[in-house]
N, C-alpha and C. Protein backbone atom coordinates (compact mmCIF):
# COMPACT_ATOMS: atom_id res chain seq x y z
N UNK A 1 7.58 20.56 -23.35
CA UNK A 1 8.12 20.80 -22.03
C UNK A 1 8.10 19.52 -21.21
N UNK A 2 9.15 19.27 -20.44
CA UNK A 2 9.21 18.10 -19.56
C UNK A 2 9.08 18.57 -18.13
N UNK A 3 8.21 17.94 -17.39
CA UNK A 3 8.10 18.22 -15.97
C UNK A 3 9.02 17.24 -15.28
N UNK A 4 10.14 17.71 -14.78
CA UNK A 4 11.13 16.84 -14.16
C UNK A 4 10.97 16.92 -12.66
N UNK A 5 10.78 15.78 -12.03
CA UNK A 5 10.65 15.74 -10.58
C UNK A 5 12.01 15.96 -9.97
N UNK A 6 12.10 16.90 -9.05
CA UNK A 6 13.36 17.10 -8.34
C UNK A 6 13.11 17.06 -6.85
N UNK A 7 14.14 16.69 -6.13
CA UNK A 7 14.03 16.63 -4.67
C UNK A 7 14.32 17.97 -4.04
N UNK A 8 14.64 18.96 -4.84
CA UNK A 8 14.99 20.27 -4.31
C UNK A 8 13.76 20.95 -3.73
N UNK A 9 13.99 21.82 -2.81
CA UNK A 9 12.90 22.61 -2.27
C UNK A 9 13.38 24.03 -2.07
N UNK A 10 12.43 24.94 -2.03
CA UNK A 10 12.78 26.33 -1.79
C UNK A 10 13.28 26.44 -0.36
N UNK A 11 14.28 27.27 -0.12
CA UNK A 11 14.84 27.38 1.23
C UNK A 11 13.77 27.69 2.27
N UNK A 12 13.67 26.83 3.26
CA UNK A 12 12.74 27.05 4.37
C UNK A 12 11.30 26.69 4.09
N UNK A 13 10.96 26.35 2.84
CA UNK A 13 9.56 26.08 2.53
C UNK A 13 9.18 24.63 2.77
N UNK A 14 10.12 23.71 2.57
CA UNK A 14 9.82 22.30 2.73
C UNK A 14 8.95 21.74 1.61
N UNK A 15 8.74 22.50 0.54
CA UNK A 15 7.88 22.05 -0.56
C UNK A 15 8.73 21.49 -1.70
N UNK A 16 8.17 20.54 -2.42
CA UNK A 16 8.83 19.99 -3.59
C UNK A 16 8.71 20.98 -4.74
N UNK A 17 9.69 20.96 -5.61
CA UNK A 17 9.70 21.88 -6.74
C UNK A 17 9.73 21.06 -8.03
N UNK A 18 9.05 21.50 -9.03
CA UNK A 18 9.04 20.85 -10.33
C UNK A 18 9.68 21.80 -11.33
N UNK A 19 10.59 21.27 -12.13
CA UNK A 19 11.21 22.11 -13.15
C UNK A 19 10.64 21.72 -14.51
N UNK A 20 10.56 22.66 -15.39
CA UNK A 20 9.92 22.44 -16.68
C UNK A 20 10.97 22.34 -17.77
N UNK A 21 10.81 21.35 -18.66
CA UNK A 21 11.71 21.15 -19.79
C UNK A 21 10.89 20.87 -21.04
N UNK A 22 11.14 19.73 -21.73
CA UNK A 22 10.45 19.37 -22.97
C UNK A 22 9.41 18.28 -22.73
N UNK A 23 8.39 18.25 -23.58
CA UNK A 23 7.40 17.17 -23.53
C UNK A 23 7.67 16.19 -24.66
N UNK A 24 7.15 14.99 -24.48
CA UNK A 24 7.27 13.94 -25.48
C UNK A 24 5.94 13.90 -26.23
N UNK A 25 5.97 13.98 -27.57
CA UNK A 25 4.76 13.92 -28.37
C UNK A 25 4.47 12.48 -28.73
N UNK A 26 3.21 12.05 -28.54
CA UNK A 26 2.85 10.65 -28.73
C UNK A 26 2.05 10.41 -30.02
N UNK A 27 1.78 11.36 -30.80
CA UNK A 27 0.97 11.18 -32.00
C UNK A 27 -0.42 11.77 -31.80
N UNK A 28 -1.05 12.15 -32.91
CA UNK A 28 -2.37 12.80 -32.90
C UNK A 28 -2.38 14.03 -31.99
N UNK A 29 -1.27 14.67 -31.85
CA UNK A 29 -1.20 15.90 -31.08
C UNK A 29 -1.17 15.68 -29.58
N UNK A 30 -1.17 14.43 -29.12
CA UNK A 30 -1.12 14.17 -27.68
C UNK A 30 0.31 14.26 -27.20
N UNK A 31 0.46 14.74 -25.99
CA UNK A 31 1.80 14.78 -25.40
C UNK A 31 1.72 14.32 -23.96
N UNK A 32 2.80 13.76 -23.52
CA UNK A 32 2.86 13.33 -22.13
C UNK A 32 4.11 13.90 -21.49
N UNK A 33 4.11 13.95 -20.20
CA UNK A 33 5.22 14.52 -19.46
C UNK A 33 6.10 13.38 -18.98
N UNK A 34 7.39 13.51 -19.15
CA UNK A 34 8.31 12.47 -18.71
C UNK A 34 8.84 12.83 -17.33
N UNK A 35 8.74 11.88 -16.40
CA UNK A 35 9.29 12.10 -15.08
C UNK A 35 10.73 11.64 -15.03
N UNK A 36 11.54 12.35 -14.32
CA UNK A 36 12.92 11.96 -14.11
C UNK A 36 12.98 11.13 -12.83
N UNK A 37 13.24 9.84 -12.97
CA UNK A 37 13.30 8.95 -11.81
C UNK A 37 14.68 9.04 -11.15
N UNK A 38 14.99 10.20 -10.62
CA UNK A 38 16.28 10.38 -9.97
C UNK A 38 16.22 9.89 -8.52
N UNK A 39 17.29 10.06 -7.81
CA UNK A 39 17.36 9.59 -6.41
C UNK A 39 16.32 10.24 -5.52
N UNK A 40 16.02 11.50 -5.76
CA UNK A 40 15.02 12.19 -4.95
C UNK A 40 13.63 11.61 -5.14
N UNK A 41 13.32 11.23 -6.38
CA UNK A 41 12.01 10.62 -6.65
C UNK A 41 11.90 9.28 -5.94
N UNK A 42 12.94 8.44 -6.06
CA UNK A 42 12.92 7.13 -5.42
C UNK A 42 12.81 7.27 -3.90
N UNK A 43 13.53 8.23 -3.33
CA UNK A 43 13.48 8.45 -1.89
C UNK A 43 12.08 8.89 -1.46
N UNK A 44 11.48 9.80 -2.23
CA UNK A 44 10.15 10.29 -1.89
C UNK A 44 9.12 9.15 -1.94
N UNK A 45 9.16 8.35 -3.01
CA UNK A 45 8.22 7.23 -3.12
C UNK A 45 8.45 6.20 -2.01
N UNK A 46 9.71 5.92 -1.70
CA UNK A 46 10.03 4.96 -0.64
C UNK A 46 9.50 5.45 0.70
N UNK A 47 9.69 6.73 1.00
CA UNK A 47 9.20 7.27 2.27
C UNK A 47 7.68 7.24 2.36
N UNK A 48 7.01 7.60 1.28
CA UNK A 48 5.54 7.58 1.30
C UNK A 48 5.01 6.17 1.53
N UNK A 49 5.57 5.21 0.79
CA UNK A 49 5.10 3.83 0.91
C UNK A 49 5.47 3.25 2.27
N UNK A 50 6.69 3.54 2.74
CA UNK A 50 7.11 3.02 4.05
C UNK A 50 6.26 3.59 5.18
N UNK A 51 5.93 4.86 5.11
CA UNK A 51 5.10 5.46 6.16
C UNK A 51 3.68 4.92 6.13
N UNK A 52 3.14 4.66 4.95
CA UNK A 52 1.82 4.03 4.86
C UNK A 52 1.85 2.64 5.47
N UNK A 53 2.89 1.87 5.14
CA UNK A 53 3.05 0.53 5.70
C UNK A 53 3.17 0.60 7.21
N UNK A 54 4.00 1.50 7.71
CA UNK A 54 4.22 1.63 9.15
C UNK A 54 2.95 2.03 9.88
N UNK A 55 2.21 2.98 9.33
CA UNK A 55 0.97 3.43 9.98
C UNK A 55 -0.02 2.28 10.09
N UNK A 56 -0.22 1.55 8.99
CA UNK A 56 -1.14 0.42 9.02
C UNK A 56 -0.68 -0.67 9.97
N UNK A 57 0.63 -0.96 9.97
CA UNK A 57 1.17 -2.01 10.82
C UNK A 57 1.04 -1.65 12.31
N UNK A 58 1.27 -0.39 12.65
CA UNK A 58 1.15 0.01 14.06
C UNK A 58 -0.29 -0.07 14.55
N UNK A 59 -1.24 0.31 13.70
CA UNK A 59 -2.64 0.14 14.07
C UNK A 59 -2.95 -1.35 14.21
N UNK A 60 -2.35 -2.17 13.35
CA UNK A 60 -2.53 -3.62 13.43
C UNK A 60 -1.99 -4.20 14.71
N UNK A 61 -0.84 -3.69 15.18
CA UNK A 61 -0.29 -4.16 16.47
C UNK A 61 -1.27 -3.85 17.59
N UNK A 62 -1.86 -2.68 17.54
CA UNK A 62 -2.87 -2.32 18.54
C UNK A 62 -4.03 -3.30 18.51
N UNK A 63 -4.49 -3.66 17.32
CA UNK A 63 -5.60 -4.63 17.19
C UNK A 63 -5.18 -6.01 17.69
N UNK A 64 -3.92 -6.40 17.43
CA UNK A 64 -3.42 -7.67 17.95
C UNK A 64 -3.43 -7.67 19.47
N UNK A 65 -2.99 -6.57 20.05
CA UNK A 65 -2.95 -6.47 21.52
C UNK A 65 -4.34 -6.53 22.14
N UNK A 66 -5.35 -6.12 21.38
CA UNK A 66 -6.73 -6.17 21.87
C UNK A 66 -7.46 -7.43 21.40
N UNK A 67 -6.68 -8.42 20.91
CA UNK A 67 -7.19 -9.74 20.53
C UNK A 67 -8.25 -9.69 19.44
N UNK A 68 -8.05 -8.84 18.46
CA UNK A 68 -8.98 -8.75 17.33
C UNK A 68 -8.50 -9.65 16.21
N UNK A 69 -9.40 -10.02 15.30
CA UNK A 69 -9.05 -10.92 14.19
C UNK A 69 -8.13 -10.26 13.18
N UNK A 70 -8.19 -8.96 13.09
CA UNK A 70 -7.39 -8.22 12.12
C UNK A 70 -6.13 -7.72 12.84
N UNK A 71 -4.99 -7.81 12.16
CA UNK A 71 -3.76 -7.47 12.87
C UNK A 71 -2.73 -6.74 12.04
N UNK A 72 -1.48 -6.92 12.44
CA UNK A 72 -0.34 -6.19 11.89
C UNK A 72 -0.25 -6.33 10.37
N UNK A 73 -0.20 -7.54 9.88
CA UNK A 73 -0.02 -7.73 8.43
C UNK A 73 -1.25 -7.30 7.64
N UNK A 74 -2.43 -7.61 8.15
CA UNK A 74 -3.65 -7.28 7.40
C UNK A 74 -3.81 -5.77 7.23
N UNK A 75 -3.71 -5.04 8.32
CA UNK A 75 -3.87 -3.58 8.22
C UNK A 75 -2.68 -2.93 7.52
N UNK A 76 -1.49 -3.50 7.67
CA UNK A 76 -0.34 -3.00 6.91
C UNK A 76 -0.56 -3.14 5.41
N UNK A 77 -1.13 -4.28 4.99
CA UNK A 77 -1.40 -4.51 3.57
C UNK A 77 -2.50 -3.59 3.05
N UNK A 78 -3.53 -3.36 3.85
CA UNK A 78 -4.61 -2.47 3.42
C UNK A 78 -4.09 -1.04 3.25
N UNK A 79 -3.30 -0.57 4.20
CA UNK A 79 -2.73 0.77 4.10
C UNK A 79 -1.77 0.87 2.91
N UNK A 80 -0.97 -0.17 2.72
CA UNK A 80 -0.04 -0.20 1.60
C UNK A 80 -0.78 -0.16 0.26
N UNK A 81 -1.83 -0.96 0.12
CA UNK A 81 -2.55 -0.99 -1.16
C UNK A 81 -3.21 0.35 -1.45
N UNK A 82 -3.76 1.00 -0.44
CA UNK A 82 -4.36 2.32 -0.65
C UNK A 82 -3.32 3.32 -1.13
N UNK A 83 -2.16 3.28 -0.50
CA UNK A 83 -1.08 4.19 -0.89
C UNK A 83 -0.63 3.92 -2.32
N UNK A 84 -0.47 2.65 -2.67
CA UNK A 84 -0.03 2.31 -4.02
C UNK A 84 -1.02 2.78 -5.08
N UNK A 85 -2.31 2.60 -4.81
CA UNK A 85 -3.33 3.03 -5.77
C UNK A 85 -3.30 4.53 -5.99
N UNK A 86 -3.23 5.29 -4.91
CA UNK A 86 -3.24 6.76 -5.03
C UNK A 86 -1.97 7.25 -5.71
N UNK A 87 -0.81 6.71 -5.32
CA UNK A 87 0.44 7.15 -5.93
C UNK A 87 0.48 6.82 -7.42
N UNK A 88 0.00 5.63 -7.77
CA UNK A 88 0.01 5.23 -9.18
C UNK A 88 -0.85 6.16 -10.02
N UNK A 89 -2.07 6.43 -9.56
CA UNK A 89 -2.96 7.31 -10.33
C UNK A 89 -2.46 8.75 -10.36
N UNK A 90 -1.87 9.22 -9.26
CA UNK A 90 -1.36 10.60 -9.26
C UNK A 90 -0.16 10.74 -10.19
N UNK A 91 0.69 9.70 -10.25
CA UNK A 91 1.81 9.76 -11.19
C UNK A 91 1.31 9.72 -12.63
N UNK A 92 0.32 8.87 -12.89
CA UNK A 92 -0.26 8.81 -14.24
C UNK A 92 -0.86 10.15 -14.64
N UNK A 93 -1.58 10.77 -13.70
CA UNK A 93 -2.18 12.08 -13.99
C UNK A 93 -1.11 13.13 -14.24
N UNK A 94 -0.01 13.05 -13.48
CA UNK A 94 1.06 14.03 -13.66
C UNK A 94 1.72 13.86 -15.02
N UNK A 95 1.87 12.61 -15.46
CA UNK A 95 2.54 12.36 -16.74
C UNK A 95 1.65 12.63 -17.94
N UNK A 96 0.36 12.31 -17.85
CA UNK A 96 -0.51 12.36 -19.02
C UNK A 96 -1.58 13.45 -18.95
N UNK A 97 -1.57 14.24 -17.92
CA UNK A 97 -2.57 15.28 -17.77
C UNK A 97 -3.76 14.78 -16.99
N UNK A 98 -4.36 15.65 -16.25
CA UNK A 98 -5.44 15.24 -15.36
C UNK A 98 -6.69 14.79 -16.10
N UNK A 99 -6.94 15.31 -17.31
CA UNK A 99 -8.12 14.88 -18.06
C UNK A 99 -7.98 13.44 -18.55
N UNK A 100 -6.77 13.03 -18.93
CA UNK A 100 -6.59 11.66 -19.43
C UNK A 100 -6.53 10.65 -18.30
N UNK A 101 -6.39 11.09 -17.06
CA UNK A 101 -6.33 10.15 -15.94
C UNK A 101 -7.71 9.72 -15.48
N UNK A 102 -8.76 10.40 -15.94
CA UNK A 102 -10.11 10.04 -15.52
C UNK A 102 -10.50 8.62 -15.92
N UNK A 103 -10.25 8.18 -17.16
CA UNK A 103 -10.58 6.79 -17.50
C UNK A 103 -9.78 5.78 -16.67
N UNK A 104 -8.50 6.07 -16.41
CA UNK A 104 -7.69 5.17 -15.59
C UNK A 104 -8.25 5.10 -14.17
N UNK A 105 -8.72 6.22 -13.66
CA UNK A 105 -9.31 6.24 -12.33
C UNK A 105 -10.58 5.41 -12.27
N UNK A 106 -11.40 5.49 -13.31
CA UNK A 106 -12.65 4.71 -13.34
C UNK A 106 -12.38 3.22 -13.44
N UNK A 107 -11.41 2.85 -14.25
CA UNK A 107 -11.05 1.43 -14.37
C UNK A 107 -10.52 0.92 -13.03
N UNK A 108 -9.72 1.73 -12.36
CA UNK A 108 -9.19 1.33 -11.05
C UNK A 108 -10.31 1.13 -10.05
N UNK A 109 -11.31 2.00 -10.06
CA UNK A 109 -12.46 1.83 -9.16
C UNK A 109 -13.16 0.51 -9.42
N UNK A 110 -13.34 0.17 -10.68
CA UNK A 110 -13.98 -1.11 -11.01
C UNK A 110 -13.17 -2.30 -10.57
N UNK A 111 -11.85 -2.22 -10.74
CA UNK A 111 -10.98 -3.32 -10.32
C UNK A 111 -11.06 -3.51 -8.81
N UNK A 112 -10.96 -2.42 -8.07
CA UNK A 112 -10.98 -2.52 -6.61
C UNK A 112 -12.32 -3.07 -6.13
N UNK A 113 -13.41 -2.67 -6.75
CA UNK A 113 -14.73 -3.21 -6.37
C UNK A 113 -14.79 -4.71 -6.63
N UNK A 114 -14.32 -5.13 -7.78
CA UNK A 114 -14.32 -6.56 -8.11
C UNK A 114 -13.43 -7.36 -7.20
N UNK A 115 -12.28 -6.81 -6.86
CA UNK A 115 -11.36 -7.49 -5.95
C UNK A 115 -11.97 -7.60 -4.57
N UNK A 116 -12.80 -6.64 -4.18
CA UNK A 116 -13.47 -6.72 -2.88
C UNK A 116 -14.32 -7.97 -2.76
N UNK A 117 -15.03 -8.32 -3.83
CA UNK A 117 -15.84 -9.54 -3.82
C UNK A 117 -14.96 -10.78 -3.75
N UNK A 118 -13.85 -10.76 -4.49
CA UNK A 118 -12.93 -11.89 -4.46
C UNK A 118 -12.33 -12.05 -3.07
N UNK A 119 -11.95 -10.94 -2.47
CA UNK A 119 -11.39 -10.99 -1.11
C UNK A 119 -12.39 -11.49 -0.10
N UNK A 120 -13.65 -11.11 -0.26
CA UNK A 120 -14.68 -11.57 0.68
C UNK A 120 -14.85 -13.08 0.61
N UNK A 121 -14.56 -13.66 -0.54
CA UNK A 121 -14.70 -15.10 -0.69
C UNK A 121 -13.67 -15.92 0.05
N UNK A 122 -12.52 -15.31 0.40
CA UNK A 122 -11.47 -16.07 1.10
C UNK A 122 -11.54 -15.90 2.61
N UNK A 123 -12.44 -15.06 3.10
CA UNK A 123 -12.58 -14.86 4.54
C UNK A 123 -13.54 -15.91 5.09
N UNK A 124 -13.07 -16.66 6.06
CA UNK A 124 -13.86 -17.75 6.63
C UNK A 124 -13.93 -17.61 8.15
N UNK A 125 -15.05 -18.06 8.70
CA UNK A 125 -15.20 -18.11 10.16
C UNK A 125 -14.77 -19.50 10.60
N UNK A 126 -14.00 -19.56 11.70
CA UNK A 126 -13.49 -20.83 12.20
C UNK A 126 -14.59 -21.70 12.78
N UNK A 127 -14.23 -22.96 13.10
CA UNK A 127 -15.22 -23.89 13.64
C UNK A 127 -15.79 -23.44 14.99
N UNK A 128 -15.01 -22.63 15.72
CA UNK A 128 -15.51 -22.15 17.01
C UNK A 128 -16.47 -20.97 16.86
N UNK A 129 -16.67 -20.50 15.62
CA UNK A 129 -17.54 -19.36 15.29
C UNK A 129 -17.08 -18.05 15.94
N UNK A 130 -15.85 -18.02 16.44
CA UNK A 130 -15.31 -16.80 17.06
C UNK A 130 -14.19 -16.23 16.19
N UNK A 131 -13.23 -17.08 15.84
CA UNK A 131 -12.08 -16.63 15.06
C UNK A 131 -12.42 -16.53 13.58
N UNK A 132 -11.82 -15.54 12.94
CA UNK A 132 -12.01 -15.32 11.51
C UNK A 132 -10.67 -15.54 10.82
N UNK A 133 -10.68 -16.27 9.72
CA UNK A 133 -9.46 -16.59 8.99
C UNK A 133 -9.54 -16.04 7.56
N UNK A 134 -8.37 -15.74 6.99
CA UNK A 134 -8.31 -15.30 5.61
C UNK A 134 -8.27 -13.80 5.41
N UNK A 135 -8.21 -13.04 6.49
CA UNK A 135 -8.19 -11.58 6.34
C UNK A 135 -6.91 -11.10 5.68
N UNK A 136 -5.78 -11.69 6.06
CA UNK A 136 -4.51 -11.29 5.46
C UNK A 136 -4.49 -11.66 3.98
N UNK A 137 -5.04 -12.81 3.64
CA UNK A 137 -5.10 -13.22 2.23
C UNK A 137 -5.97 -12.25 1.43
N UNK A 138 -7.09 -11.84 2.01
CA UNK A 138 -7.97 -10.88 1.33
C UNK A 138 -7.25 -9.55 1.12
N UNK A 139 -6.49 -9.10 2.12
CA UNK A 139 -5.74 -7.84 1.99
C UNK A 139 -4.62 -8.00 0.96
N UNK A 140 -4.00 -9.19 0.92
CA UNK A 140 -2.94 -9.43 -0.07
C UNK A 140 -3.50 -9.40 -1.49
N UNK A 141 -4.73 -9.86 -1.67
CA UNK A 141 -5.37 -9.80 -2.99
C UNK A 141 -5.52 -8.34 -3.43
N UNK A 142 -5.89 -7.47 -2.51
CA UNK A 142 -6.03 -6.05 -2.83
C UNK A 142 -4.68 -5.43 -3.20
N UNK A 143 -3.63 -5.81 -2.47
CA UNK A 143 -2.30 -5.27 -2.78
C UNK A 143 -1.83 -5.75 -4.15
N UNK A 144 -2.06 -7.01 -4.45
CA UNK A 144 -1.66 -7.54 -5.76
C UNK A 144 -2.40 -6.80 -6.87
N UNK A 145 -3.66 -6.47 -6.66
CA UNK A 145 -4.40 -5.68 -7.64
C UNK A 145 -3.76 -4.30 -7.81
N UNK A 146 -3.35 -3.68 -6.70
CA UNK A 146 -2.69 -2.37 -6.78
C UNK A 146 -1.37 -2.48 -7.53
N UNK A 147 -0.62 -3.57 -7.30
CA UNK A 147 0.64 -3.76 -8.02
C UNK A 147 0.38 -3.96 -9.52
N UNK A 148 -0.68 -4.68 -9.84
CA UNK A 148 -1.04 -4.87 -11.24
C UNK A 148 -1.41 -3.56 -11.92
N UNK A 149 -2.13 -2.71 -11.22
CA UNK A 149 -2.50 -1.40 -11.77
C UNK A 149 -1.25 -0.55 -11.96
N UNK A 150 -0.33 -0.59 -10.99
CA UNK A 150 0.92 0.17 -11.12
C UNK A 150 1.71 -0.31 -12.34
N UNK A 151 1.71 -1.61 -12.57
CA UNK A 151 2.41 -2.15 -13.73
C UNK A 151 1.73 -1.71 -15.02
N UNK A 152 0.40 -1.76 -15.05
CA UNK A 152 -0.34 -1.37 -16.26
C UNK A 152 -0.12 0.10 -16.61
N UNK A 153 0.02 0.94 -15.62
CA UNK A 153 0.20 2.37 -15.86
C UNK A 153 1.68 2.77 -15.90
N UNK A 154 2.57 1.76 -15.93
CA UNK A 154 4.02 1.96 -16.04
C UNK A 154 4.58 2.81 -14.91
N UNK A 155 4.08 2.61 -13.71
CA UNK A 155 4.61 3.30 -12.53
C UNK A 155 5.66 2.38 -11.90
N UNK A 156 6.80 2.25 -12.56
CA UNK A 156 7.80 1.25 -12.18
C UNK A 156 8.36 1.43 -10.78
N UNK A 157 8.74 2.63 -10.36
CA UNK A 157 9.25 2.76 -8.98
C UNK A 157 8.20 2.35 -7.94
N UNK A 158 6.95 2.73 -8.18
CA UNK A 158 5.88 2.38 -7.23
C UNK A 158 5.69 0.87 -7.21
N UNK A 159 5.76 0.24 -8.36
CA UNK A 159 5.63 -1.22 -8.44
C UNK A 159 6.75 -1.91 -7.68
N UNK A 160 7.98 -1.49 -7.89
CA UNK A 160 9.13 -2.15 -7.26
C UNK A 160 9.11 -1.95 -5.75
N UNK A 161 8.93 -0.71 -5.31
CA UNK A 161 8.92 -0.45 -3.86
C UNK A 161 7.72 -1.12 -3.21
N UNK A 162 6.57 -1.09 -3.88
CA UNK A 162 5.38 -1.74 -3.34
C UNK A 162 5.55 -3.24 -3.21
N UNK A 163 6.19 -3.87 -4.19
CA UNK A 163 6.44 -5.31 -4.13
C UNK A 163 7.35 -5.66 -2.96
N UNK A 164 8.42 -4.89 -2.78
CA UNK A 164 9.34 -5.13 -1.66
C UNK A 164 8.61 -4.94 -0.33
N UNK A 165 7.79 -3.90 -0.23
CA UNK A 165 7.04 -3.66 1.02
C UNK A 165 6.05 -4.79 1.29
N UNK A 166 5.41 -5.30 0.25
CA UNK A 166 4.46 -6.41 0.41
C UNK A 166 5.17 -7.66 0.91
N UNK A 167 6.31 -7.98 0.31
CA UNK A 167 7.07 -9.16 0.75
C UNK A 167 7.56 -8.99 2.18
N UNK A 168 7.95 -7.76 2.55
CA UNK A 168 8.37 -7.50 3.92
C UNK A 168 7.24 -7.79 4.90
N UNK A 169 6.05 -7.29 4.57
CA UNK A 169 4.90 -7.52 5.46
C UNK A 169 4.55 -8.99 5.56
N UNK A 170 4.55 -9.70 4.45
CA UNK A 170 4.11 -11.09 4.46
C UNK A 170 5.15 -12.03 5.04
N UNK A 171 6.43 -11.78 4.78
CA UNK A 171 7.48 -12.71 5.22
C UNK A 171 8.06 -12.32 6.57
N UNK A 172 8.50 -11.09 6.71
CA UNK A 172 9.19 -10.68 7.94
C UNK A 172 8.21 -10.43 9.09
N UNK A 173 7.09 -9.79 8.79
CA UNK A 173 6.15 -9.44 9.86
C UNK A 173 5.29 -10.62 10.32
N UNK A 174 5.25 -11.70 9.54
CA UNK A 174 4.48 -12.89 9.95
C UNK A 174 4.96 -13.46 11.27
N UNK A 175 6.27 -13.78 11.40
CA UNK A 175 6.76 -14.28 12.68
C UNK A 175 6.62 -13.29 13.83
N UNK A 176 6.75 -12.00 13.52
CA UNK A 176 6.58 -10.98 14.57
C UNK A 176 5.15 -11.01 15.10
N UNK A 177 4.18 -11.05 14.17
CA UNK A 177 2.78 -11.09 14.58
C UNK A 177 2.47 -12.37 15.35
N UNK A 178 3.03 -13.49 14.90
CA UNK A 178 2.80 -14.78 15.58
C UNK A 178 3.38 -14.74 17.00
N UNK A 179 4.62 -14.21 17.14
CA UNK A 179 5.24 -14.11 18.46
C UNK A 179 4.41 -13.21 19.38
N UNK A 180 3.87 -12.13 18.84
CA UNK A 180 3.03 -11.24 19.63
C UNK A 180 1.76 -11.94 20.10
N UNK A 181 1.15 -12.72 19.21
CA UNK A 181 -0.05 -13.46 19.58
C UNK A 181 0.25 -14.53 20.62
N UNK A 182 1.39 -15.22 20.49
CA UNK A 182 1.78 -16.24 21.47
C UNK A 182 2.02 -15.61 22.84
N UNK A 183 2.62 -14.45 22.85
CA UNK A 183 2.88 -13.75 24.12
C UNK A 183 1.55 -13.37 24.80
N UNK A 184 0.59 -12.90 24.00
CA UNK A 184 -0.72 -12.54 24.55
C UNK A 184 -1.41 -13.77 25.11
N UNK A 185 -1.36 -14.89 24.38
CA UNK A 185 -1.98 -16.13 24.87
C UNK A 185 -1.32 -16.62 26.15
N UNK A 186 0.01 -16.52 26.23
CA UNK A 186 0.73 -16.93 27.44
C UNK A 186 0.32 -16.05 28.61
N UNK A 187 0.22 -14.75 28.37
CA UNK A 187 -0.20 -13.82 29.43
C UNK A 187 -1.62 -14.16 29.91
N UNK A 188 -2.51 -14.45 28.98
CA UNK A 188 -3.88 -14.82 29.35
C UNK A 188 -3.90 -16.11 30.17
N UNK A 189 -3.06 -17.08 29.79
CA UNK A 189 -3.00 -18.35 30.53
C UNK A 189 -2.46 -18.13 31.94
N UNK A 190 -1.45 -17.26 32.06
CA UNK A 190 -0.89 -16.94 33.39
C UNK A 190 -1.92 -16.27 34.27
N UNK A 191 -2.67 -15.35 33.72
CA UNK A 191 -3.71 -14.66 34.49
C UNK A 191 -4.78 -15.64 34.93
N UNK A 192 -5.17 -16.54 34.03
CA UNK A 192 -6.20 -17.54 34.37
C UNK A 192 -5.72 -18.48 35.45
N UNK A 193 -4.44 -18.90 35.40
CA UNK A 193 -3.92 -19.81 36.43
C UNK A 193 -3.82 -19.11 37.79
N UNK A 194 -3.49 -17.83 37.81
CA UNK A 194 -3.41 -17.09 39.08
C UNK A 194 -4.80 -16.93 39.70
N UNK A 195 -5.80 -16.78 38.86
CA UNK A 195 -7.17 -16.65 39.39
C UNK A 195 -7.64 -17.95 40.03
N UNK A 196 -7.24 -19.09 39.43
CA UNK A 196 -7.63 -20.38 39.97
C UNK A 196 -6.94 -20.67 41.29
N UNK A 197 -5.70 -20.16 41.43
CA UNK A 197 -4.92 -20.43 42.64
C UNK A 197 -5.33 -19.59 43.82
């Protein structure tokens, strides 16, 4: 039997529906379920990843406005990497059965823990001992690990959409975050000059 992902839903329910067909036998009696990567699947994955990115980025804008070291790109990347990890493992579990996904889940936990130490190594405190640098790089390391896991588990749509979302955050949102920080600094300078006058 094949579990084919469809974008259809029962009228008025708003729930996704799965249709059953044939399974693919892999040898030694093991079978896996083949997903149909149709337009509905791509749309669903794109919406999930985009909403995770948006949620993290909006919280990051709030942190930028409050002059915190962590901002739009960093929190966008953290939210994106979490989404990619969960989607990748859930797709693997759906295709290979929930019992076979346990080893993949344990390996993923080990990778994320190891990447945490690597990310901590790139975070530096500035010479003024106030500003912290390298947070976005540390978050990017986590996202790259999530993309690697998606590739290893053959979650191709998640890998492609996640890569595009990561490049969007790093390239397009960089100037936006910089402009926002410059505007805050200008506002602070204006307030300081008015107080002196």
